[in-house]
């Protein structure tokens, strides 16, 4: 799995427009082959900071999306940002849930 994250800072005049565009992009990308999830988050402490986060099943599906015309809209949005956006592509080899907490708590109990 690949976690794609972009953190962007916009002027107060542009943040509303950027949020509308990103929400549309998240909805469009959810139907792309290999897209496991696509979300937009707004920072609670900084109203002008947005995060676009996607999970992809593999590198090939992500790369296909990065080459698409749809992703061109994301690239244009990055140019609207006030600061250089933070962009990350993290490969996740495994994922655990509540069972990790349960296992740790059982092992530490006396």
C-alpha atoms as a PDB file:
ATOM      1  CA  UNK A   1       0.000   0.000   0.000  1.00  0.00           C
ATOM      2  CA  UNK A   2       1.147   3.546  -0.730  1.00  0.00           C
ATOM      3  CA  UNK A   3       0.043   6.536   1.346  1.00  0.00           C
ATOM      4  CA  UNK A   4       0.161   9.782  -0.671  1.00  0.00           C
ATOM      5  CA  UNK A   5      -0.037  12.966   1.406  1.00  0.00           C
ATOM      6  CA  UNK A   6       0.087  16.618   0.386  1.00  0.00           C
ATOM      7  CA  UNK A   7      -0.035  19.396   2.999  1.00  0.00           C
ATOM      8  CA  UNK A   8      -0.762  22.847   1.540  1.00  0.00           C
ATOM      9  CA  UNK A   9      -1.065  26.359   2.966  1.00  0.00           C
ATOM     10  CA  UNK A  10      -3.300  28.872   1.169  1.00  0.00           C
ATOM     11  CA  UNK A  11      -4.137  32.518   1.640  1.00  0.00           C
ATOM     12  CA  UNK A  12      -7.435  33.104   3.432  1.00  0.00           C
ATOM     13  CA  UNK A  13      -8.869  34.321   0.106  1.00  0.00           C
ATOM     14  CA  UNK A  14      -7.946  31.075  -1.723  1.00  0.00           C
ATOM     15  CA  UNK A  15      -8.566  28.396   0.915  1.00  0.00           C
ATOM     16  CA  UNK A  16     -12.293  28.055   0.150  1.00  0.00           C
ATOM     17  CA  UNK A  17     -11.654  27.575  -3.565  1.00  0.00           C
ATOM     18  CA  UNK A  18      -8.823  25.118  -2.860  1.00  0.00           C
ATOM     19  CA  UNK A  19     -11.059  23.122  -0.495  1.00  0.00           C
ATOM     20  CA  UNK A  20     -13.812  22.831  -3.140  1.00  0.00           C
ATOM     21  CA  UNK A  21     -11.305  21.660  -5.764  1.00  0.00           C
ATOM     22  CA  UNK A  22      -9.699  19.106  -3.428  1.00  0.00           C
ATOM     23  CA  UNK A  23     -13.062  17.694  -2.335  1.00  0.00           C
ATOM     24  CA  UNK A  24     -13.980  17.211  -5.978  1.00  0.00           C
ATOM     25  CA  UNK A  25     -10.599  15.587  -6.673  1.00  0.00           C
ATOM     26  CA  UNK A  26     -11.004  13.243  -3.689  1.00  0.00           C
ATOM     27  CA  UNK A  27     -14.415  12.143  -4.931  1.00  0.00           C
ATOM     28  CA  UNK A  28     -13.147  11.588  -8.496  1.00  0.00           C
ATOM     29  CA  UNK A  29     -10.074   9.643  -7.415  1.00  0.00           C
ATOM     30  CA  UNK A  30     -12.054   7.218  -5.203  1.00  0.00           C
ATOM     31  CA  UNK A  31     -13.352   5.478  -8.338  1.00  0.00           C
ATOM     32  CA  UNK A  32      -9.883   5.090  -9.912  1.00  0.00           C
ATOM     33  CA  UNK A  33      -8.442   1.557 -10.083  1.00  0.00           C
ATOM     34  CA  UNK A  34      -6.347   0.871  -6.982  1.00  0.00           C
ATOM     35  CA  UNK A  35      -7.550   3.857  -4.931  1.00  0.00           C
ATOM     36  CA  UNK A  36      -8.404   2.548  -1.466  1.00  0.00           C
ATOM     37  CA  UNK A  37      -9.359   5.936  -0.006  1.00  0.00           C
ATOM     38  CA  UNK A  38      -9.093   9.642  -0.733  1.00  0.00           C
ATOM     39  CA  UNK A  39      -9.745  12.327   1.886  1.00  0.00           C
ATOM     40  CA  UNK A  40      -9.335  16.058   2.419  1.00  0.00           C
ATOM     41  CA  UNK A  41      -8.620  17.410   5.892  1.00  0.00           C
ATOM     42  CA  UNK A  42      -8.581  20.958   7.232  1.00  0.00           C
ATOM     43  CA  UNK A  43      -6.200  21.790  10.064  1.00  0.00           C
ATOM     44  CA  UNK A  44      -8.091  22.668  13.253  1.00  0.00           C
ATOM     45  CA  UNK A  45      -5.467  25.151  14.451  1.00  0.00           C
ATOM     46  CA  UNK A  46      -4.611  26.694  11.080  1.00  0.00           C
ATOM     47  CA  UNK A  47      -7.708  27.386   8.964  1.00  0.00           C
ATOM     48  CA  UNK A  48      -5.678  27.944   5.811  1.00  0.00           C
ATOM     49  CA  UNK A  49      -3.880  24.562   5.899  1.00  0.00           C
ATOM     50  CA  UNK A  50      -5.352  21.654   3.925  1.00  0.00           C
ATOM     51  CA  UNK A  51      -4.204  18.056   3.621  1.00  0.00           C
ATOM     52  CA  UNK A  52      -4.997  15.767   0.687  1.00  0.00           C
ATOM     53  CA  UNK A  53      -4.461  12.129   1.669  1.00  0.00           C
ATOM     54  CA  UNK A  54      -4.895   9.063  -0.515  1.00  0.00           C
ATOM     55  CA  UNK A  55      -4.226   5.354  -0.070  1.00  0.00           C
ATOM     56  CA  UNK A  56      -3.312   3.320  -3.140  1.00  0.00           C
ATOM     57  CA  UNK A  57      -3.077  -0.443  -3.385  1.00  0.00           C
ATOM     58  CA  UNK A  58       0.279  -0.332  -5.209  1.00  0.00           C
ATOM     59  CA  UNK A  59       2.842   1.884  -6.960  1.00  0.00           C
ATOM     60  CA  UNK A  60       1.552   1.096 -10.468  1.00  0.00           C
ATOM     61  CA  UNK A  61      -1.970   2.362  -9.707  1.00  0.00           C
ATOM     62  CA  UNK A  62      -0.594   5.479  -8.012  1.00  0.00           C
ATOM     63  CA  UNK A  63       1.751   6.220 -10.923  1.00  0.00           C
ATOM     64  CA  UNK A  64      -1.100   5.828 -13.421  1.00  0.00           C
ATOM     65  CA  UNK A  65      -3.072   8.391 -11.411  1.00  0.00           C
ATOM     66  CA  UNK A  66      -0.101  10.776 -11.163  1.00  0.00           C
ATOM     67  CA  UNK A  67       0.145  10.755 -14.983  1.00  0.00           C
ATOM     68  CA  UNK A  68      -3.594  11.350 -15.462  1.00  0.00           C
ATOM     69  CA  UNK A  69      -5.302  14.543 -16.616  1.00  0.00           C
ATOM     70  CA  UNK A  70      -7.208  14.546 -13.314  1.00  0.00           C
ATOM     71  CA  UNK A  71      -3.979  14.853 -11.336  1.00  0.00           C
ATOM     72  CA  UNK A  72      -3.027  17.896 -13.430  1.00  0.00           C
ATOM     73  CA  UNK A  73      -5.677  19.780 -11.412  1.00  0.00           C
ATOM     74  CA  UNK A  74      -3.841  18.897  -8.199  1.00  0.00           C
ATOM     75  CA  UNK A  75      -0.583  20.186  -9.680  1.00  0.00           C
ATOM     76  CA  UNK A  76      -2.245  23.471 -10.647  1.00  0.00           C
ATOM     77  CA  UNK A  77      -3.632  23.761  -7.127  1.00  0.00           C
ATOM     78  CA  UNK A  78      -0.121  23.369  -5.696  1.00  0.00           C
ATOM     79  CA  UNK A  79       0.857  26.524  -7.573  1.00  0.00           C
ATOM     80  CA  UNK A  80      -1.833  28.446  -5.650  1.00  0.00           C
ATOM     81  CA  UNK A  81      -0.255  27.549  -2.303  1.00  0.00           C
ATOM     82  CA  UNK A  82       1.418  30.287  -0.245  1.00  0.00           C
ATOM     83  CA  UNK A  83       4.320  28.049   0.811  1.00  0.00           C
ATOM     84  CA  UNK A  84       6.066  25.117  -0.770  1.00  0.00           C
ATOM     85  CA  UNK A  85       3.697  22.152  -0.210  1.00  0.00           C
ATOM     86  CA  UNK A  86       4.844  19.145   1.787  1.00  0.00           C
ATOM     87  CA  UNK A  87       4.503  16.056  -0.428  1.00  0.00           C
ATOM     88  CA  UNK A  88       5.078  12.482   0.779  1.00  0.00           C
ATOM     89  CA  UNK A  89       4.649   9.036  -0.707  1.00  0.00           C
ATOM     90  CA  UNK A  90       5.051   6.416   2.017  1.00  0.00           C
ATOM     91  CA  UNK A  91       5.039   2.679   1.385  1.00  0.00           C
ATOM     92  CA  UNK A  92       3.197   0.751   4.070  1.00  0.00           C
ATOM     93  CA  UNK A  93       4.267  -2.880   4.381  1.00  0.00           C
ATOM     94  CA  UNK A  94       1.806  -3.855   7.094  1.00  0.00           C
ATOM     95  CA  UNK A  95      -1.012  -2.375   9.101  1.00  0.00           C
ATOM     96  CA  UNK A  96      -2.494  -3.362  12.459  1.00  0.00           C
ATOM     97  CA  UNK A  97      -5.519  -2.195  14.380  1.00  0.00           C
ATOM     98  CA  UNK A  98      -7.000  -2.698  17.817  1.00  0.00           C
ATOM     99  CA  UNK A  99      -5.384  -6.137  18.028  1.00  0.00           C
ATOM    100  CA  UNK A 100      -1.995  -4.441  18.480  1.00  0.00           C
ATOM    101  CA  UNK A 101      -3.305  -2.601  21.542  1.00  0.00           C
ATOM    102  CA  UNK A 102      -4.933  -5.741  22.921  1.00  0.00           C
ATOM    103  CA  UNK A 103      -1.754  -7.773  22.458  1.00  0.00           C
ATOM    104  CA  UNK A 104       0.400  -5.130  24.125  1.00  0.00           C
ATOM    105  CA  UNK A 105      -2.027  -4.740  27.023  1.00  0.00           C
ATOM    106  CA  UNK A 106      -2.253  -8.508  27.590  1.00  0.00           C
ATOM    107  CA  UNK A 107       1.508  -8.871  27.538  1.00  0.00           C
ATOM    108  CA  UNK A 108       2.022  -6.061  30.031  1.00  0.00           C
ATOM    109  CA  UNK A 109      -0.685  -7.111  32.501  1.00  0.00           C
ATOM    110  CA  UNK A 110       0.362  -8.427  35.907  1.00  0.00           C
END
